[in-house]
Protein backbone atom coordinates (compact mmCIF):
# COMPACT_ATOMS: atom_id res chain seq x y z
CA MET A 1 -26.50 10.32 9.66
CA ILE A 2 -23.74 8.86 7.86
CA ALA A 3 -21.81 5.54 7.60
CA VAL A 4 -17.98 4.75 8.58
CA ILE A 5 -16.60 1.59 7.80
CA THR A 6 -13.32 1.02 9.41
CA GLY A 7 -11.18 -1.93 8.95
CA ASP A 8 -8.09 -4.00 8.97
CA ILE A 9 -6.58 -6.64 6.50
CA ILE A 10 -5.80 -10.03 8.14
CA ASN A 11 -2.63 -11.80 7.50
CA SER A 12 -1.34 -8.67 6.04
CA GLU A 13 1.79 -9.41 7.77
CA ASN A 14 2.59 -12.46 6.08
CA SER A 15 1.50 -11.20 2.66
CA ASN A 16 3.01 -8.73 -0.13
CA SER A 17 0.79 -5.30 0.38
CA GLU A 18 1.80 -5.20 -3.58
CA ILE A 19 -0.89 -8.12 -4.23
CA TRP A 20 -3.62 -5.96 -2.16
CA LEU A 21 -2.99 -2.60 -1.42
CA GLU A 22 -3.53 -0.96 -4.79
CA SER A 23 -6.58 -2.61 -5.67
CA LEU A 24 -7.91 -1.53 -2.82
CA LYS A 25 -7.27 2.02 -3.18
CA LYS A 26 -8.47 1.41 -6.73
CA ILE A 27 -12.19 0.27 -5.22
CA LEU A 28 -12.18 2.71 -2.96
CA MET A 29 -12.05 5.45 -5.38
CA ASN A 30 -15.60 4.25 -6.95
CA TRP A 31 -16.95 6.17 -3.44
CA GLY A 32 -14.92 9.10 -3.33
CA LYS A 33 -11.35 10.83 -3.03
CA THR A 34 -8.91 10.01 -1.04
CA PRO A 35 -8.04 11.67 2.21
CA GLU A 36 -11.22 13.18 2.42
CA LYS A 37 -13.57 10.34 2.08
CA TRP A 38 -11.25 7.55 2.46
CA GLU A 39 -7.63 6.80 3.47
CA VAL A 40 -5.61 3.68 3.77
CA TYR A 41 -3.27 4.25 6.87
CA ARG A 42 -0.65 2.35 9.17
CA GLY A 43 0.14 -0.10 6.58
CA ASP A 44 -3.10 -2.50 6.67
CA GLU A 45 -6.23 -0.18 8.16
CA PHE A 46 -8.10 1.67 5.91
CA GLN A 47 -11.38 4.11 6.69
CA ILE A 48 -14.15 5.22 4.22
CA LYS A 49 -17.26 7.55 4.97
CA CYS A 50 -20.49 6.79 2.60
CA ASP A 51 -24.19 7.22 2.34
CA ILE A 52 -25.82 4.49 4.53
CA ASP A 53 -27.55 3.17 1.56
CA GLU A 54 -24.29 2.30 0.05
CA VAL A 55 -22.40 0.80 3.34
CA PHE A 56 -23.55 -2.73 2.77
CA LYS A 57 -22.73 -3.07 -1.00
CA ILE A 58 -19.13 -1.54 0.02
CA PHE A 59 -18.54 -3.77 2.72
CA LEU A 60 -19.45 -6.91 -0.16
CA ALA A 61 -17.23 -4.98 -2.46
CA ILE A 62 -14.46 -4.89 -0.03
CA LYS A 63 -14.71 -8.35 1.30
CA SER A 64 -15.08 -9.87 -2.12
CA LEU A 65 -11.84 -8.04 -3.52
CA ILE A 66 -9.71 -9.23 -0.29
CA LYS A 67 -10.66 -12.86 -0.27
CA CYS A 68 -9.54 -13.17 -3.96
CA ASN A 69 -6.56 -13.96 -2.38
CA GLU A 70 -6.28 -17.47 -0.64
CA SER A 71 -4.37 -16.15 2.13
CA LEU A 72 -5.88 -12.86 2.93
CA ASP A 73 -9.15 -11.81 4.72
CA VAL A 74 -10.62 -8.66 5.95
CA ARG A 75 -12.37 -7.25 9.18
CA MET A 76 -14.68 -4.44 9.05
CA ALA A 77 -16.83 -2.67 11.52
CA ILE A 78 -19.63 -0.62 10.47
CA GLY A 79 -20.43 2.51 12.26
CA ILE A 80 -23.69 4.72 11.59
CA GLY A 81 -24.17 7.99 13.65
CA GLU A 82 -23.46 11.91 13.14
CA GLU A 83 -20.79 13.64 11.43
CA ASN A 84 -19.99 16.60 13.76
CA PHE A 85 -17.01 17.91 11.80
CA SER A 86 -15.66 17.07 8.43
CA SER A 87 -12.44 17.86 7.83
CA GLU A 88 -9.89 17.37 5.00
CA LYS A 89 -8.49 14.02 6.25
CA ILE A 90 -11.21 11.73 6.91
CA THR A 91 -9.08 10.19 9.62
CA GLU A 92 -9.34 14.03 11.50
CA SER A 93 -12.89 13.79 10.82
CA ASN A 94 -15.06 13.15 14.14
CA GLY A 95 -18.96 12.39 15.26
CA SER A 96 -20.42 9.26 16.64
CA ALA A 97 -20.48 7.51 13.10
CA TYR A 98 -16.22 7.67 13.67
CA VAL A 99 -16.36 6.57 17.22
CA ASN A 100 -18.83 3.61 16.78
CA SER A 101 -16.86 2.31 13.95
CA GLY A 102 -13.61 2.71 15.42
CA ARG A 103 -13.90 1.52 19.03
CA LEU A 104 -16.24 -1.31 17.39
CA LEU A 105 -13.23 -2.52 15.05
CA ASN A 106 -11.11 -3.08 18.41
CA ASP A 107 -13.87 -5.11 20.05
CA ILE A 108 -14.03 -7.77 17.26
CA LYS A 109 -10.71 -7.67 16.80
CA SER A 110 -10.45 -9.45 20.43
CA ASP A 111 -13.48 -11.22 19.65
CA GLY A 112 -12.18 -12.82 16.72
CA LYS A 113 -15.44 -11.41 14.03
CA THR A 114 -14.71 -10.29 10.97
CA LEU A 115 -17.80 -7.82 11.02
CA ALA A 116 -20.21 -5.86 13.46
CA ILE A 117 -22.17 -3.00 13.40
CA LYS A 118 -22.79 -0.34 15.78
CA THR A 119 -25.71 2.67 15.39
CA PRO A 120 -27.36 4.98 17.88
CA LYS A 121 -30.35 2.43 18.18
CA ASP A 122 -29.25 -0.90 20.25
CA SER A 123 -32.32 -3.04 19.10
CA VAL A 124 -31.10 -2.66 15.65
CA ASP A 125 -27.45 -3.07 16.61
CA GLN A 126 -28.92 -6.70 18.04
CA ASP A 127 -30.71 -7.63 15.23
CA LEU A 128 -28.32 -7.05 12.49
CA ASN A 129 -24.99 -8.04 14.44
CA ILE A 130 -27.08 -11.70 15.21
CA VAL A 131 -27.43 -11.78 10.70
CA PHE A 132 -23.90 -10.94 10.23
CA LYS A 133 -22.60 -13.55 12.54
CA TRP A 134 -24.55 -15.97 10.84
CA SER A 135 -23.72 -14.45 7.40
CA SER A 136 -19.91 -14.25 7.99
CA ILE A 137 -19.84 -18.00 8.05
CA ASP A 138 -20.59 -17.69 4.45
CA PHE A 139 -18.38 -14.70 3.79
CA ASP A 140 -15.48 -15.69 5.63
CA SER A 141 -15.21 -19.36 3.61
CA TRP A 142 -15.56 -17.40 0.10
CA THR A 143 -12.81 -19.22 -2.05
CA PRO A 144 -11.31 -17.24 -4.30
CA ALA A 145 -12.97 -18.40 -7.35
CA VAL A 146 -16.23 -17.67 -5.34
CA ALA A 147 -15.09 -14.36 -4.01
CA GLU A 148 -14.03 -13.10 -7.47
CA ILE A 149 -17.28 -13.86 -9.08
CA ILE A 150 -19.08 -11.79 -6.14
CA HIS A 151 -17.16 -9.20 -6.80
CA ILE A 152 -17.65 -8.66 -10.32
CA PHE A 153 -21.52 -9.22 -9.69
CA ILE A 154 -21.34 -6.69 -6.87
CA MET A 155 -19.21 -3.82 -9.32
CA ASN A 156 -21.21 -4.36 -12.10
CA SER A 157 -25.01 -3.85 -11.74
CA GLY A 158 -27.08 -5.50 -13.68
CA ILE A 159 -24.55 -8.04 -15.29
CA THR A 160 -25.88 -11.29 -16.40
CA GLN A 161 -24.34 -14.52 -16.03
CA GLU A 162 -23.57 -14.73 -19.35
CA ASP A 163 -21.56 -11.53 -19.27
CA ILE A 164 -19.50 -12.81 -16.40
CA ALA A 165 -19.01 -16.33 -17.94
CA LYS A 166 -17.26 -14.14 -21.08
CA LYS A 167 -15.14 -11.91 -18.53
CA LEU A 168 -13.85 -15.19 -16.98
CA ASN A 169 -13.89 -17.18 -20.01
CA ILE A 170 -16.14 -19.91 -18.41
CA THR A 171 -19.26 -21.68 -18.82
CA GLN A 172 -22.58 -20.07 -17.94
CA SER A 173 -23.38 -23.15 -15.94
CA SER A 174 -19.92 -22.52 -14.08
CA VAL A 175 -20.89 -19.61 -13.31
CA SER A 176 -24.11 -20.23 -12.11
CA GLN A 177 -22.44 -23.07 -9.67
CA ARG A 178 -20.36 -20.35 -8.28
CA LEU A 179 -22.97 -18.05 -7.30
CA LYS A 180 -24.97 -20.86 -5.54
CA ARG A 181 -21.74 -21.72 -3.66
CA ALA A 182 -21.60 -17.84 -2.45
CA ASN A 183 -25.45 -17.94 -1.38
CA LEU A 184 -26.17 -14.75 -3.91
CA ASP A 185 -29.79 -15.22 -3.13
CA LEU A 186 -28.99 -14.75 0.82
CA ILE A 187 -27.08 -12.02 0.16
CA THR A 188 -29.69 -10.11 -1.64
CA GLU A 189 -32.19 -10.89 1.07
CA THR A 190 -29.61 -10.11 3.82
CA ASP A 191 -29.28 -6.62 1.73
CA LYS A 192 -32.88 -5.91 1.90
CA TYR A 193 -33.07 -6.62 5.63
CA PHE A 194 -30.20 -4.42 6.52
CA ARG A 195 -31.62 -1.71 4.68
CA LYS A 196 -35.57 -2.41 6.33
CA LYS A 197 -33.50 -2.02 9.90
CA ILE A 198 -31.63 0.96 9.05
CA ALA A 199 -34.96 2.67 7.80
CA GLU A 200 -35.52 1.86 11.69
CA LEU A 201 -33.04 4.66 12.88
């Protein structure tokens, strides 16, 4: 099985795409080449194929990157399943992972959600989507300052608070306060729970 994230930028029509488009493409390059592994299309939509173990980290990386812009947010649907055909373009590949992700994005647009998951197992979907509903209350309310520090933490494995403080030219105590506001410990626990549930598939 593989994971596919299909997403779109919220409020993109009210912002200059130069603000977010190149940075989104740059971060997606961390997980493969376009258009085989990922693609941005129709102006503000994107899709990325990845390993199941990486998908929650990739979600967090994209969410925190986009939330660094005060007027923007991002909606993402995670689909987990099979890949029956792998094309040179991800948007031409198919299988249940792609179907689950694409259809789910349409569903959450109408529901007003910003994150949901569809897997081959309904009980896993139910448990994870309840967790995502609660955690999205935090994710959706990140300020640009909190999003920036989460993004640095997610993208730099093993980085210390002191390193982040130097990078941002702020005090270590300011870093600590921002990480607390972002509920970093809860994010870490959610990641562990996600991996545990996915192992049930």
